[in-house]
Structure formats: C-alpha cells, structure tokens
Amino acid sequence: QVQLVESEGGSVQAGGSLTLSCVATGRTSSLSRIAWFRRAPGKEREFVAVIIRSTSDTYYADSVTGRFTISGDNAKNTVWLQMNSLKPEDTAVYYCAADMARVGAYNYWGRGTQVTVSS
C-alpha cells in the first residue's frame, strides 16, 4: 500500500511559475513510475509528465514540453513538477500517480491540488 500527498497548489498570473511536490509513503521500495496528471474544467483527465525511478528518464505531454520539468529524489520518495511560463489553459486540478514494478498501471493516486492561472 502506498499513499501519495501533493503539496498545496496556488494561483499565479500567466507567465509565472509554480512548483508542486508529491511525497510517497508506505510500501515505496518497488515504486516504478511517478507521474503527474491534470484535469481541467469540462475536460477529461490528461497525462502531463512521468519519471522512471530506476533510470530517471522523463517524458512529457506535448502541451507542456519545454515549460514543465519533472524531477525526483528516490531517497526521499519525492517528485516535483516545476511549471514555468504558465498559461491560463494550464488551470486544472493536478494529481500525482504511481505504479509498482511489473504492474503497468497507475494504482495509487493523490487527492489532487488546484492550480489556477489567470490572464
């Protein structure tokens, strides 16, 4: 069993920056991937970024490439999402998610945190 807790989000103006964190507790030794998803008002949940714990490889959605950076500290079981050059369309509830090795599905989710970008 794994629990994920996101940091509090916030409100920023367009062009600003914000960093989110996600801390995993519980049975964390076999965590494989930790990702960020988001859900904007009236839209479906979408993938944002992911980091592979064993290799530190990262992948991003096209909509955030070049603006967002995902990073992690395995010893602290923590990942961050650094968001720069924020746009109003980035407004959403952001969720961190994790899966275990050889599972291939995000079975653990945080409760979500609100990010609002004003123009």
PDB file of N, CA and C in Angstrom:
ATOM      1  N   GLN A   1       0.839  -1.182   0.000  1.00  0.00           N
ATOM      2  CA  GLN A   1       0.000   0.000   0.000  1.00  0.00           C
ATOM      3  C   GLN A   1       0.881   1.241   0.000  1.00  0.00           C
ATOM      4  N   VAL A   2       0.524   2.208  -0.844  1.00  0.00           N
ATOM      5  CA  VAL A   2       1.260   3.449  -0.985  1.00  0.00           C
ATOM      6  C   VAL A   2       0.290   4.614  -0.881  1.00  0.00           C
ATOM      7  N   GLN A   3       0.713   5.649  -0.204  1.00  0.00           N
ATOM      8  CA  GLN A   3      -0.058   6.875  -0.114  1.00  0.00           C
ATOM      9  C   GLN A   3       0.731   7.999  -0.773  1.00  0.00           C
ATOM     10  N   LEU A   4       0.029   8.859  -1.503  1.00  0.00           N
ATOM     11  CA  LEU A   4       0.640   9.980  -2.192  1.00  0.00           C
ATOM     12  C   LEU A   4       0.000  11.267  -1.711  1.00  0.00           C
ATOM     13  N   VAL A   5       0.823  12.243  -1.397  1.00  0.00           N
ATOM     14  CA  VAL A   5       0.330  13.524  -0.923  1.00  0.00           C
ATOM     15  C   VAL A   5       0.969  14.630  -1.743  1.00  0.00           C
ATOM     16  N   GLU A   6       0.137  15.419  -2.430  1.00  0.00           N
ATOM     17  CA  GLU A   6       0.618  16.557  -3.189  1.00  0.00           C
ATOM     18  C   GLU A   6       0.708  17.783  -2.291  1.00  0.00           C
ATOM     19  N   SER A   7       1.616  18.660  -2.637  1.00  0.00           N
ATOM     20  CA  SER A   7       1.679  19.940  -1.951  1.00  0.00           C
ATOM     21  C   SER A   7       0.503  20.808  -2.387  1.00  0.00           C
ATOM     22  N   GLU A   8       0.260  21.853  -1.634  1.00  0.00           N
ATOM     23  CA  GLU A   8      -0.811  22.774  -1.993  1.00  0.00           C
ATOM     24  C   GLU A   8      -0.445  23.526  -3.265  1.00  0.00           C
ATOM     25  N   GLY A   9      -1.416  23.686  -4.134  1.00  0.00           N
ATOM     26  CA  GLY A   9      -1.198  24.430  -5.359  1.00  0.00           C
ATOM     27  C   GLY A   9      -1.254  25.915  -5.102  1.00  0.00           C
ATOM     28  N   GLY A  10      -1.861  26.630  -6.026  1.00  0.00           N
ATOM     29  CA  GLY A  10      -1.984  28.061  -5.840  1.00  0.00           C
ATOM     30  C   GLY A  10      -2.467  28.754  -7.083  1.00  0.00           C
ATOM     31  N   SER A  11      -2.501  30.073  -7.009  1.00  0.00           N
ATOM     32  CA  SER A  11      -2.928  30.923  -8.115  1.00  0.00           C
ATOM     33  C   SER A  11      -1.774  31.807  -8.556  1.00  0.00           C
ATOM     34  N   VAL A  12      -1.536  31.857  -9.850  1.00  0.00           N
ATOM     35  CA  VAL A  12      -0.469  32.673 -10.411  1.00  0.00           C
ATOM     36  C   VAL A  12      -0.968  33.365 -11.669  1.00  0.00           C
ATOM     37  N   GLN A  13      -0.274  34.404 -12.060  1.00  0.00           N
ATOM     38  CA  GLN A  13      -0.582  35.080 -13.306  1.00  0.00           C
ATOM     39  C   GLN A  13       0.087  34.371 -14.474  1.00  0.00           C
ATOM     40  N   ALA A  14      -0.487  34.534 -15.646  1.00  0.00           N
ATOM     41  CA  ALA A  14       0.104  33.966 -16.850  1.00  0.00           C
ATOM     42  C   ALA A  14       1.560  34.395 -16.981  1.00  0.00           C
ATOM     43  N   GLY A  15       2.407  33.439 -17.336  1.00  0.00           N
ATOM     44  CA  GLY A  15       3.829  33.689 -17.432  1.00  0.00           C
ATOM     45  C   GLY A  15       4.593  33.393 -16.164  1.00  0.00           C
ATOM     46  N   GLY A  16       3.894  33.163 -15.087  1.00  0.00           N
ATOM     47  CA  GLY A  16       4.523  32.882 -13.817  1.00  0.00           C
ATOM     48  C   GLY A  16       4.928  31.430 -13.671  1.00  0.00           C
ATOM     49  N   SER A  17       5.435  31.107 -12.487  1.00  0.00           N
ATOM     50  CA  SER A  17       5.944  29.767 -12.202  1.00  0.00           C
ATOM     51  C   SER A  17       5.370  29.243 -10.900  1.00  0.00           C
ATOM     52  N   LEU A  18       5.335  27.925 -10.819  1.00  0.00           N
ATOM     53  CA  LEU A  18       4.855  27.261  -9.617  1.00  0.00           C
ATOM     54  C   LEU A  18       5.445  25.859  -9.584  1.00  0.00           C
ATOM     55  N   THR A  19       5.787  25.383  -8.400  1.00  0.00           N
ATOM     56  CA  THR A  19       6.319  24.043  -8.239  1.00  0.00           C
ATOM     57  C   THR A  19       5.423  23.228  -7.327  1.00  0.00           C
ATOM     58  N   LEU A  20       5.090  22.037  -7.769  1.00  0.00           N
ATOM     59  CA  LEU A  20       4.320  21.092  -6.978  1.00  0.00           C
ATOM     60  C   LEU A  20       5.224  19.956  -6.530  1.00  0.00           C
ATOM     61  N   SER A  21       4.926  19.379  -5.385  1.00  0.00           N
ATOM     62  CA  SER A  21       5.651  18.212  -4.919  1.00  0.00           C
ATOM     63  C   SER A  21       4.675  17.092  -4.603  1.00  0.00           C
ATOM     64  N   CYS A  22       5.188  15.878  -4.649  1.00  0.00           N
ATOM     65  CA  CYS A  22       4.414  14.694  -4.316  1.00  0.00           C
ATOM     66  C   CYS A  22       5.289  13.791  -3.480  1.00  0.00           C
ATOM     67  N   VAL A  23       4.835  13.460  -2.291  1.00  0.00           N
ATOM     68  CA  VAL A  23       5.584  12.606  -1.381  1.00  0.00           C
ATOM     69  C   VAL A  23       4.872  11.265  -1.240  1.00  0.00           C
ATOM     70  N   ALA A  24       5.600  10.195  -1.456  1.00  0.00           N
ATOM     71  CA  ALA A  24       5.063   8.851  -1.327  1.00  0.00           C
ATOM     72  C   ALA A  24       5.476   8.245   0.004  1.00  0.00           C
ATOM     73  N   THR A  25       4.525   7.621   0.670  1.00  0.00           N
ATOM     74  CA  THR A  25       4.801   6.920   1.919  1.00  0.00           C
ATOM     75  C   THR A  25       4.205   5.529   1.853  1.00  0.00           C
ATOM     76  N   GLY A  26       4.582   4.709   2.814  1.00  0.00           N
ATOM     77  CA  GLY A  26       4.120   3.341   2.841  1.00  0.00           C
ATOM     78  C   GLY A  26       5.127   2.410   2.195  1.00  0.00           C
ATOM     79  N   ARG A  27       4.625   1.489   1.402  1.00  0.00           N
ATOM     80  CA  ARG A  27       5.462   0.477   0.769  1.00  0.00           C
ATOM     81  C   ARG A  27       6.035   1.024  -0.538  1.00  0.00           C
ATOM     82  N   THR A  28       7.107   1.778  -0.422  1.00  0.00           N
ATOM     83  CA  THR A  28       7.647   2.527  -1.559  1.00  0.00           C
ATOM     84  C   THR A  28       8.824   1.861  -2.258  1.00  0.00           C
ATOM     85  N   SER A  29       9.321   0.755  -1.743  1.00  0.00           N
ATOM     86  CA  SER A  29      10.556   0.174  -2.262  1.00  0.00           C
ATOM     87  C   SER A  29      10.447  -0.310  -3.700  1.00  0.00           C
ATOM     88  N   SER A  30       9.265  -0.661  -4.156  1.00  0.00           N
ATOM     89  CA  SER A  30       9.092  -1.188  -5.504  1.00  0.00           C
ATOM     90  C   SER A  30       8.409  -0.213  -6.462  1.00  0.00           C
ATOM     91  N   LEU A  31       8.330   1.043  -6.095  1.00  0.00           N
ATOM     92  CA  LEU A  31       7.732   2.029  -6.985  1.00  0.00           C
ATOM     93  C   LEU A  31       8.533   2.107  -8.280  1.00  0.00           C
ATOM     94  N   SER A  32       7.827   2.139  -9.389  1.00  0.00           N
ATOM     95  CA  SER A  32       8.457   2.141 -10.705  1.00  0.00           C
ATOM     96  C   SER A  32       8.374   3.498 -11.394  1.00  0.00           C
ATOM     97  N   ARG A  33       7.184   4.041 -11.488  1.00  0.00           N
ATOM     98  CA  ARG A  33       6.966   5.314 -12.146  1.00  0.00           C
ATOM     99  C   ARG A  33       6.147   6.226 -11.254  1.00  0.00           C
ATOM    100  N   ILE A  34       6.469   7.492 -11.287  1.00  0.00           N
ATOM    101  CA  ILE A  34       5.640   8.505 -10.645  1.00  0.00           C
ATOM    102  C   ILE A  34       5.334   9.563 -11.693  1.00  0.00           C
ATOM    103  N   ALA A  35       4.068   9.863 -11.845  1.00  0.00           N
ATOM    104  CA  ALA A  35       3.613  10.736 -12.915  1.00  0.00           C
ATOM    105  C   ALA A  35       2.723  11.844 -12.375  1.00  0.00           C
ATOM    106  N   TRP A  36       2.541  12.847 -13.206  1.00  0.00           N
ATOM    107  CA  TRP A  36       1.579  13.905 -12.953  1.00  0.00           C
ATOM    108  C   TRP A  36       0.518  13.879 -14.035  1.00  0.00           C
ATOM    109  N   PHE A  37      -0.732  13.978 -13.608  1.00  0.00           N
ATOM    110  CA  PHE A  37      -1.877  14.134 -14.493  1.00  0.00           C
ATOM    111  C   PHE A  37      -2.610  15.407 -14.088  1.00  0.00           C
ATOM    112  N   ARG A  38      -3.505  15.853 -14.937  1.00  0.00           N
ATOM    113  CA  ARG A  38      -4.319  17.002 -14.591  1.00  0.00           C
ATOM    114  C   ARG A  38      -5.693  16.888 -15.227  1.00  0.00           C
ATOM    115  N   ARG A  39      -6.645  17.559 -14.612  1.00  0.00           N
ATOM    116  CA  ARG A  39      -7.996  17.601 -15.137  1.00  0.00           C
ATOM    117  C   ARG A  39      -8.487  19.041 -15.098  1.00  0.00           C
ATOM    118  N   ALA A  40      -8.695  19.601 -16.267  1.00  0.00           N
ATOM    119  CA  ALA A  40      -9.191  20.964 -16.390  1.00  0.00           C
ATOM    120  C   ALA A  40     -10.717  20.962 -16.375  1.00  0.00           C
ATOM    121  N   PRO A  41     -11.331  22.083 -16.028  1.00  0.00           N
ATOM    122  CA  PRO A  41     -12.796  22.146 -16.009  1.00  0.00           C
ATOM    123  C   PRO A  41     -13.398  21.762 -17.357  1.00  0.00           C
ATOM    124  N   GLY A  42     -14.340  20.840 -17.336  1.00  0.00           N
ATOM    125  CA  GLY A  42     -15.020  20.424 -18.546  1.00  0.00           C
ATOM    126  C   GLY A  42     -14.226  19.518 -19.458  1.00  0.00           C
ATOM    127  N   LYS A  43     -13.068  19.064 -19.028  1.00  0.00           N
ATOM    128  CA  LYS A  43     -12.228  18.219 -19.864  1.00  0.00           C
ATOM    129  C   LYS A  43     -11.899  16.906 -19.161  1.00  0.00           C
ATOM    130  N   GLU A  44     -11.430  15.960 -19.956  1.00  0.00           N
ATOM    131  CA  GLU A  44     -11.003  14.683 -19.406  1.00  0.00           C
ATOM    132  C   GLU A  44      -9.623  14.814 -18.772  1.00  0.00           C
ATOM    133  N   ARG A  45      -9.326  13.895 -17.883  1.00  0.00           N
ATOM    134  CA  ARG A  45      -8.000  13.845 -17.298  1.00  0.00           C
ATOM    135  C   ARG A  45      -6.951  13.604 -18.375  1.00  0.00           C
ATOM    136  N   GLU A  46      -5.820  14.284 -18.276  1.00  0.00           N
ATOM    137  CA  GLU A  46      -4.767  14.115 -19.256  1.00  0.00           C
ATOM    138  C   GLU A  46      -3.411  13.928 -18.584  1.00  0.00           C
ATOM    139  N   PHE A  47      -2.560  13.218 -19.268  1.00  0.00           N
ATOM    140  CA  PHE A  47      -1.195  12.997 -18.823  1.00  0.00           C
ATOM    141  C   PHE A  47      -0.382  14.270 -18.965  1.00  0.00           C
ATOM    142  N   VAL A  48       0.499  14.520 -17.990  1.00  0.00           N
ATOM    143  CA  VAL A  48       1.360  15.694 -18.019  1.00  0.00           C
ATOM    144  C   VAL A  48       2.833  15.309 -18.137  1.00  0.00           C
ATOM    145  N   ALA A  49       3.319  14.487 -17.209  1.00  0.00           N
ATOM    146  CA  ALA A  49       4.734  14.121 -17.188  1.00  0.00           C
ATOM    147  C   ALA A  49       4.931  12.881 -16.337  1.00  0.00           C
ATOM    148  N   VAL A  50       6.035  12.180 -16.563  1.00  0.00           N
ATOM    149  CA  VAL A  50       6.347  10.986 -15.788  1.00  0.00           C
ATOM    150  C   VAL A  50       7.855  10.873 -15.630  1.00  0.00           C
ATOM    151  N   ILE A  51       8.275  10.293 -14.528  1.00  0.00           N
ATOM    152  CA  ILE A  51       9.679   9.984 -14.303  1.00  0.00           C
ATOM    153  C   ILE A  51       9.806   8.516 -13.932  1.00  0.00           C
ATOM    154  N   ILE A  52      10.770   7.842 -14.543  1.00  0.00           N
ATOM    155  CA  ILE A  52      11.053   6.444 -14.250  1.00  0.00           C
ATOM    156  C   ILE A  52      12.105   6.407 -13.158  1.00  0.00           C
ATOM    157  N   ARG A  53      11.797   5.805 -12.032  1.00  0.00           N
ATOM    158  CA  ARG A  53      12.679   5.878 -10.864  1.00  0.00           C
ATOM    159  C   ARG A  53      14.036   5.224 -11.108  1.00  0.00           C
ATOM    160  N   SER A  54      14.064   4.098 -11.801  1.00  0.00           N
ATOM    161  CA  SER A  54      15.305   3.357 -11.947  1.00  0.00           C
ATOM    162  C   SER A  54      16.297   4.019 -12.893  1.00  0.00           C
ATOM    163  N   THR A  55      15.807   4.775 -13.860  1.00  0.00           N
ATOM    164  CA  THR A  55      16.668   5.366 -14.874  1.00  0.00           C
ATOM    165  C   THR A  55      16.682   6.885 -14.864  1.00  0.00           C
ATOM    166  N   SER A  56      15.709   7.494 -14.219  1.00  0.00           N
ATOM    167  CA  SER A  56      15.494   8.941 -14.228  1.00  0.00           C
ATOM    168  C   SER A  56      15.055   9.464 -15.588  1.00  0.00           C
ATOM    169  N   ASP A  57      14.668   8.579 -16.491  1.00  0.00           N
ATOM    170  CA  ASP A  57      14.107   9.025 -17.764  1.00  0.00           C
ATOM    171  C   ASP A  57      12.810   9.778 -17.514  1.00  0.00           C
ATOM    172  N   THR A  58      12.584  10.800 -18.313  1.00  0.00           N
ATOM    173  CA  THR A  58      11.380  11.609 -18.179  1.00  0.00           C
ATOM    174  C   THR A  58      10.681  11.753 -19.519  1.00  0.00           C
ATOM    175  N   TYR A  59       9.360  11.919 -19.466  1.00  0.00           N
ATOM    176  CA  TYR A  59       8.547  12.083 -20.657  1.00  0.00           C
ATOM    177  C   TYR A  59       7.472  13.117 -20.356  1.00  0.00           C
ATOM    178  N   TYR A  60       7.106  13.882 -21.383  1.00  0.00           N
ATOM    179  CA  TYR A  60       6.183  14.988 -21.204  1.00  0.00           C
ATOM    180  C   TYR A  60       5.114  14.996 -22.282  1.00  0.00           C
ATOM    181  N   ALA A  61       3.964  15.512 -21.915  1.00  0.00           N
ATOM    182  CA  ALA A  61       2.953  15.791 -22.912  1.00  0.00           C
ATOM    183  C   ALA A  61       3.413  16.937 -23.803  1.00  0.00           C
ATOM    184  N   ASP A  62       2.982  16.915 -25.060  1.00  0.00           N
ATOM    185  CA  ASP A  62       3.383  17.961 -25.984  1.00  0.00           C
ATOM    186  C   ASP A  62       3.001  19.353 -25.485  1.00  0.00           C
ATOM    187  N   SER A  63       1.891  19.438 -24.792  1.00  0.00           N
ATOM    188  CA  SER A  63       1.388  20.728 -24.357  1.00  0.00           C
ATOM    189  C   SER A  63       2.260  21.405 -23.306  1.00  0.00           C
ATOM    190  N   VAL A  64       3.117  20.635 -22.631  1.00  0.00           N
ATOM    191  CA  VAL A  64       3.945  21.211 -21.570  1.00  0.00           C
ATOM    192  C   VAL A  64       5.432  21.093 -21.849  1.00  0.00           C
ATOM    193  N   THR A  65       5.817  20.429 -22.919  1.00  0.00           N
ATOM    194  CA  THR A  65       7.228  20.259 -23.236  1.00  0.00           C
ATOM    195  C   THR A  65       7.921  21.608 -23.362  1.00  0.00           C
ATOM    196  N   GLY A  66       9.064  21.733 -22.708  1.00  0.00           N
ATOM    197  CA  GLY A  66       9.815  22.974 -22.729  1.00  0.00           C
ATOM    198  C   GLY A  66       9.429  23.947 -21.646  1.00  0.00           C
ATOM    199  N   ARG A  67       8.307  23.715 -20.986  1.00  0.00           N
ATOM    200  CA  ARG A  67       7.856  24.603 -19.925  1.00  0.00           C
ATOM    201  C   ARG A  67       7.866  23.930 -18.557  1.00  0.00           C
ATOM    202  N   PHE A  68       7.558  22.642 -18.523  1.00  0.00           N
ATOM    203  CA  PHE A  68       7.482  21.901 -17.269  1.00  0.00           C
ATOM    204  C   PHE A  68       8.675  20.962 -17.144  1.00  0.00           C
ATOM    205  N   THR A  69       9.113  20.726 -15.911  1.00  0.00           N
ATOM    206  CA  THR A  69      10.181  19.783 -15.628  1.00  0.00           C
ATOM    207  C   THR A  69       9.787  18.905 -14.453  1.00  0.00           C
ATOM    208  N   ILE A  70       9.894  17.594 -14.637  1.00  0.00           N
ATOM    209  CA  ILE A  70       9.650  16.663 -13.553  1.00  0.00           C
ATOM    210  C   ILE A  70      10.989  16.148 -13.050  1.00  0.00           C
ATOM    211  N   SER A  71      11.135  16.046 -11.748  1.00  0.00           N
ATOM    212  CA  SER A  71      12.358  15.548 -11.139  1.00  0.00           C
ATOM    213  C   SER A  71      12.002  14.752  -9.899  1.00  0.00           C
ATOM    214  N   GLY A  72      12.972  13.985  -9.405  1.00  0.00           N
ATOM    215  CA  GLY A  72      12.692  13.161  -8.244  1.00  0.00           C
ATOM    216  C   GLY A  72      13.910  12.915  -7.394  1.00  0.00           C
ATOM    217  N   ASP A  73      13.653  12.557  -6.152  1.00  0.00           N
ATOM    218  CA  ASP A  73      14.676  12.154  -5.203  1.00  0.00           C
ATOM    219  C   ASP A  73      14.217  10.828  -4.627  1.00  0.00           C
ATOM    220  N   ASN A  74      14.837   9.745  -5.084  1.00  0.00           N
ATOM    221  CA  ASN A  74      14.392   8.419  -4.661  1.00  0.00           C
ATOM    222  C   ASN A  74      14.544   8.202  -3.156  1.00  0.00           C
ATOM    223  N   ALA A  75      15.603   8.737  -2.578  1.00  0.00           N
ATOM    224  CA  ALA A  75      15.826   8.561  -1.151  1.00  0.00           C
ATOM    225  C   ALA A  75      14.729   9.210  -0.323  1.00  0.00           C
ATOM    226  N   LYS A  76      14.169  10.294  -0.828  1.00  0.00           N
ATOM    227  CA  LYS A  76      13.098  10.996  -0.135  1.00  0.00           C
ATOM    228  C   LYS A  76      11.715  10.582  -0.610  1.00  0.00           C
ATOM    229  N   ASN A  77      11.661   9.709  -1.612  1.00  0.00           N
ATOM    230  CA  ASN A  77      10.385   9.293  -2.204  1.00  0.00           C
ATOM    231  C   ASN A  77       9.539  10.497  -2.591  1.00  0.00           C
ATOM    232  N   THR A  78      10.186  11.454  -3.214  1.00  0.00           N
ATOM    233  CA  THR A  78       9.543  12.707  -3.557  1.00  0.00           C
ATOM    234  C   THR A  78       9.787  13.038  -5.020  1.00  0.00           C
ATOM    235  N   VAL A  79       8.767  13.546  -5.684  1.00  0.00           N
ATOM    236  CA  VAL A  79       8.905  14.081  -7.026  1.00  0.00           C
ATOM    237  C   VAL A  79       8.373  15.501  -7.040  1.00  0.00           C
ATOM    238  N   TRP A  80       8.882  16.290  -7.967  1.00  0.00           N
ATOM    239  CA  TRP A  80       8.468  17.675  -8.134  1.00  0.00           C
ATOM    240  C   TRP A  80       8.044  17.907  -9.574  1.00  0.00           C
ATOM    241  N   LEU A  81       7.154  18.839  -9.748  1.00  0.00           N
ATOM    242  CA  LEU A  81       6.782  19.322 -11.058  1.00  0.00           C
ATOM    243  C   LEU A  81       7.004  20.829 -11.071  1.00  0.00           C
ATOM    244  N   GLN A  82       8.063  21.246 -11.752  1.00  0.00           N
ATOM    245  CA  GLN A  82       8.368  22.659 -11.903  1.00  0.00           C
ATOM    246  C   GLN A  82       7.644  23.172 -13.134  1.00  0.00           C
ATOM    247  N   MET A  83       6.775  24.139 -12.952  1.00  0.00           N
ATOM    248  CA  MET A  83       5.959  24.665 -14.032  1.00  0.00           C
ATOM    249  C   MET A  83       6.355  26.113 -14.291  1.00  0.00           C
ATOM    250  N   ASN A  84       6.838  26.376 -15.481  1.00  0.00           N
ATOM    251  CA  ASN A  84       7.238  27.712 -15.890  1.00  0.00           C
ATOM    252  C   ASN A  84       6.373  28.181 -17.052  1.00  0.00           C
ATOM    253  N   SER A  85       6.407  29.479 -17.291  1.00  0.00           N
ATOM    254  CA  SER A  85       5.659  30.070 -18.404  1.00  0.00           C
ATOM    255  C   SER A  85       4.218  29.587 -18.421  1.00  0.00           C
ATOM    256  N   LEU A  86       3.586  29.645 -17.288  1.00  0.00           N
ATOM    257  CA  LEU A  86       2.239  29.111 -17.151  1.00  0.00           C
ATOM    258  C   LEU A  86       1.242  29.886 -18.002  1.00  0.00           C
ATOM    259  N   LYS A  87       0.276  29.153 -18.524  1.00  0.00           N
ATOM    260  CA  LYS A  87      -0.771  29.700 -19.364  1.00  0.00           C
ATOM    261  C   LYS A  87      -2.130  29.449 -18.707  1.00  0.00           C
ATOM    262  N   PRO A  88      -3.128  30.255 -19.034  1.00  0.00           N
ATOM    263  CA  PRO A  88      -4.456  30.010 -18.468  1.00  0.00           C
ATOM    264  C   PRO A  88      -4.965  28.593 -18.715  1.00  0.00           C
ATOM    265  N   GLU A  89      -4.620  28.005 -19.845  1.00  0.00           N
ATOM    266  CA  GLU A  89      -5.069  26.651 -20.137  1.00  0.00           C
ATOM    267  C   GLU A  89      -4.403  25.590 -19.267  1.00  0.00           C
ATOM    268  N   ASP A  90      -3.405  25.976 -18.476  1.00  0.00           N
ATOM    269  CA  ASP A  90      -2.819  25.063 -17.506  1.00  0.00           C
ATOM    270  C   ASP A  90      -3.658  24.952 -16.239  1.00  0.00           C
ATOM    271  N   THR A  91      -4.658  25.783 -16.113  1.00  0.00           N
ATOM    272  CA  THR A  91      -5.535  25.729 -14.951  1.00  0.00           C
ATOM    273  C   THR A  91      -6.201  24.361 -14.863  1.00  0.00           C
ATOM    274  N   ALA A  92      -6.025  23.699 -13.734  1.00  0.00           N
ATOM    275  CA  ALA A  92      -6.547  22.345 -13.573  1.00  0.00           C
ATOM    276  C   ALA A  92      -6.285  21.871 -12.155  1.00  0.00           C
ATOM    277  N   VAL A  93      -6.898  20.757 -11.827  1.00  0.00           N
ATOM    278  CA  VAL A  93      -6.518  20.021 -10.640  1.00  0.00           C
ATOM    279  C   VAL A  93      -5.418  19.052 -11.044  1.00  0.00           C
ATOM    280  N   TYR A  94      -4.298  19.117 -10.364  1.00  0.00           N
ATOM    281  CA  TYR A  94      -3.146  18.285 -10.680  1.00  0.00           C
ATOM    282  C   TYR A  94      -3.051  17.130  -9.698  1.00  0.00           C
ATOM    283  N   TYR A  95      -2.805  15.936 -10.224  1.00  0.00           N
ATOM    284  CA  TYR A  95      -2.715  14.724  -9.432  1.00  0.00           C
ATOM    285  C   TYR A  95      -1.369  14.046  -9.657  1.00  0.00           C
ATOM    286  N   CYS A  96      -0.756  13.552  -8.600  1.00  0.00           N
ATOM    287  CA  CYS A  96       0.369  12.651  -8.793  1.00  0.00           C
ATOM    288  C   CYS A  96      -0.143  11.220  -8.729  1.00  0.00           C
ATOM    289  N   ALA A  97       0.543  10.342  -9.435  1.00  0.00           N
ATOM    290  CA  ALA A  97       0.143   8.946  -9.520  1.00  0.00           C
ATOM    291  C   ALA A  97       1.384   8.080  -9.585  1.00  0.00           C
ATOM    292  N   ALA A  98       1.263   6.843  -9.106  1.00  0.00           N
ATOM    293  CA  ALA A  98       2.408   5.948  -9.073  1.00  0.00           C
ATOM    294  C   ALA A  98       1.981   4.520  -9.369  1.00  0.00           C
ATOM    295  N   ASP A  99       2.920   3.762  -9.912  1.00  0.00           N
ATOM    296  CA  ASP A  99       2.690   2.336 -10.086  1.00  0.00           C
ATOM    297  C   ASP A  99       3.872   1.558  -9.534  1.00  0.00           C
ATOM    298  N   MET A 100       3.671   0.264  -9.352  1.00  0.00           N
ATOM    299  CA  MET A 100       4.699  -0.624  -8.853  1.00  0.00           C
ATOM    300  C   MET A 100       5.353  -1.350 -10.013  1.00  0.00           C
ATOM    301  N   ALA A 101       6.550  -1.856  -9.783  1.00  0.00           N
ATOM    302  CA  ALA A 101       7.267  -2.589 -10.815  1.00  0.00           C
ATOM    303  C   ALA A 101       6.445  -3.763 -11.326  1.00  0.00           C
ATOM    304  N   ARG A 102       6.447  -3.939 -12.655  1.00  0.00           N
ATOM    305  CA  ARG A 102       5.778  -5.043 -13.329  1.00  0.00           C
ATOM    306  C   ARG A 102       4.261  -5.031 -13.188  1.00  0.00           C
ATOM    307  N   VAL A 103       3.698  -3.881 -12.922  1.00  0.00           N
ATOM    308  CA  VAL A 103       2.254  -3.732 -12.864  1.00  0.00           C
ATOM    309  C   VAL A 103       1.737  -3.040 -14.120  1.00  0.00           C
ATOM    310  N   GLY A 104       2.334  -1.925 -14.481  1.00  0.00           N
ATOM    311  CA  GLY A 104       1.967  -1.245 -15.709  1.00  0.00           C
ATOM    312  C   GLY A 104       0.683  -0.450 -15.642  1.00  0.00           C
ATOM    313  N   ALA A 105       0.273  -0.067 -14.449  1.00  0.00           N
ATOM    314  CA  ALA A 105      -0.921   0.739 -14.278  1.00  0.00           C
ATOM    315  C   ALA A 105      -0.744   1.637 -13.065  1.00  0.00           C
ATOM    316  N   TYR A 106      -1.341   2.813 -13.139  1.00  0.00           N
ATOM    317  CA  TYR A 106      -1.257   3.756 -12.026  1.00  0.00           C
ATOM    318  C   TYR A 106      -2.340   3.423 -11.007  1.00  0.00           C
ATOM    319  N   ASN A 107      -1.968   2.683  -9.998  1.00  0.00           N
ATOM    320  CA  ASN A 107      -2.909   2.214  -8.991  1.00  0.00           C
ATOM    321  C   ASN A 107      -2.976   3.103  -7.754  1.00  0.00           C
ATOM    322  N   TYR A 108      -2.063   4.045  -7.638  1.00  0.00           N
ATOM    323  CA  TYR A 108      -2.015   4.919  -6.474  1.00  0.00           C
ATOM    324  C   TYR A 108      -2.112   6.359  -6.930  1.00  0.00           C
ATOM    325  N   TRP A 109      -2.983   7.103  -6.272  1.00  0.00           N
ATOM    326  CA  TRP A 109      -3.258   8.482  -6.661  1.00  0.00           C
ATOM    327  C   TRP A 109      -3.327   9.388  -5.451  1.00  0.00           C
ATOM    328  N   GLY A 110      -2.821  10.595  -5.608  1.00  0.00           N
ATOM    329  CA  GLY A 110      -3.046  11.618  -4.615  1.00  0.00           C
ATOM    330  C   GLY A 110      -4.443  12.180  -4.739  1.00  0.00           C
ATOM    331  N   ARG A 111      -4.803  13.043  -3.829  1.00  0.00           N
ATOM    332  CA  ARG A 111      -6.143  13.620  -3.822  1.00  0.00           C
ATOM    333  C   ARG A 111      -6.295  14.785  -4.787  1.00  0.00           C
ATOM    334  N   GLY A 112      -5.198  15.327  -5.263  1.00  0.00           N
ATOM    335  CA  GLY A 112      -5.238  16.417  -6.215  1.00  0.00           C
ATOM    336  C   GLY A 112      -5.020  17.765  -5.553  1.00  0.00           C
ATOM    337  N   THR A 113      -4.513  18.700  -6.344  1.00  0.00           N
ATOM    338  CA  THR A 113      -4.266  20.045  -5.859  1.00  0.00           C
ATOM    339  C   THR A 113      -4.580  21.036  -6.972  1.00  0.00           C
ATOM    340  N   GLN A 114      -5.203  22.146  -6.614  1.00  0.00           N
ATOM    341  CA  GLN A 114      -5.696  23.107  -7.596  1.00  0.00           C
ATOM    342  C   GLN A 114      -4.609  24.087  -8.000  1.00  0.00           C
ATOM    343  N   VAL A 115      -4.443  24.252  -9.304  1.00  0.00           N
ATOM    344  CA  VAL A 115      -3.571  25.274  -9.866  1.00  0.00           C
ATOM    345  C   VAL A 115      -4.421  26.166 -10.760  1.00  0.00           C
ATOM    346  N   THR A 116      -4.391  27.453 -10.502  1.00  0.00           N
ATOM    347  CA  THR A 116      -5.163  28.415 -11.272  1.00  0.00           C
ATOM    348  C   THR A 116      -4.226  29.458 -11.871  1.00  0.00           C
ATOM    349  N   VAL A 117      -4.335  29.656 -13.173  1.00  0.00           N
ATOM    350  CA  VAL A 117      -3.503  30.623 -13.882  1.00  0.00           C
ATOM    351  C   VAL A 117      -4.417  31.680 -14.490  1.00  0.00           C
ATOM    352  N   SER A 118      -4.232  32.912 -14.105  1.00  0.00           N
ATOM    353  CA  SER A 118      -5.067  33.999 -14.584  1.00  0.00           C
ATOM    354  C   SER A 118      -4.355  34.784 -15.671  1.00  0.00           C
ATOM    355  N   SER A 119      -5.126  35.357 -16.572  1.00  0.00           N
ATOM    356  CA  SER A 119      -4.577  36.141 -17.664  1.00  0.00           C
ATOM    357  C   SER A 119      -4.629  37.623 -17.374  1.00  0.00           C
TER     358      SER A 119
END
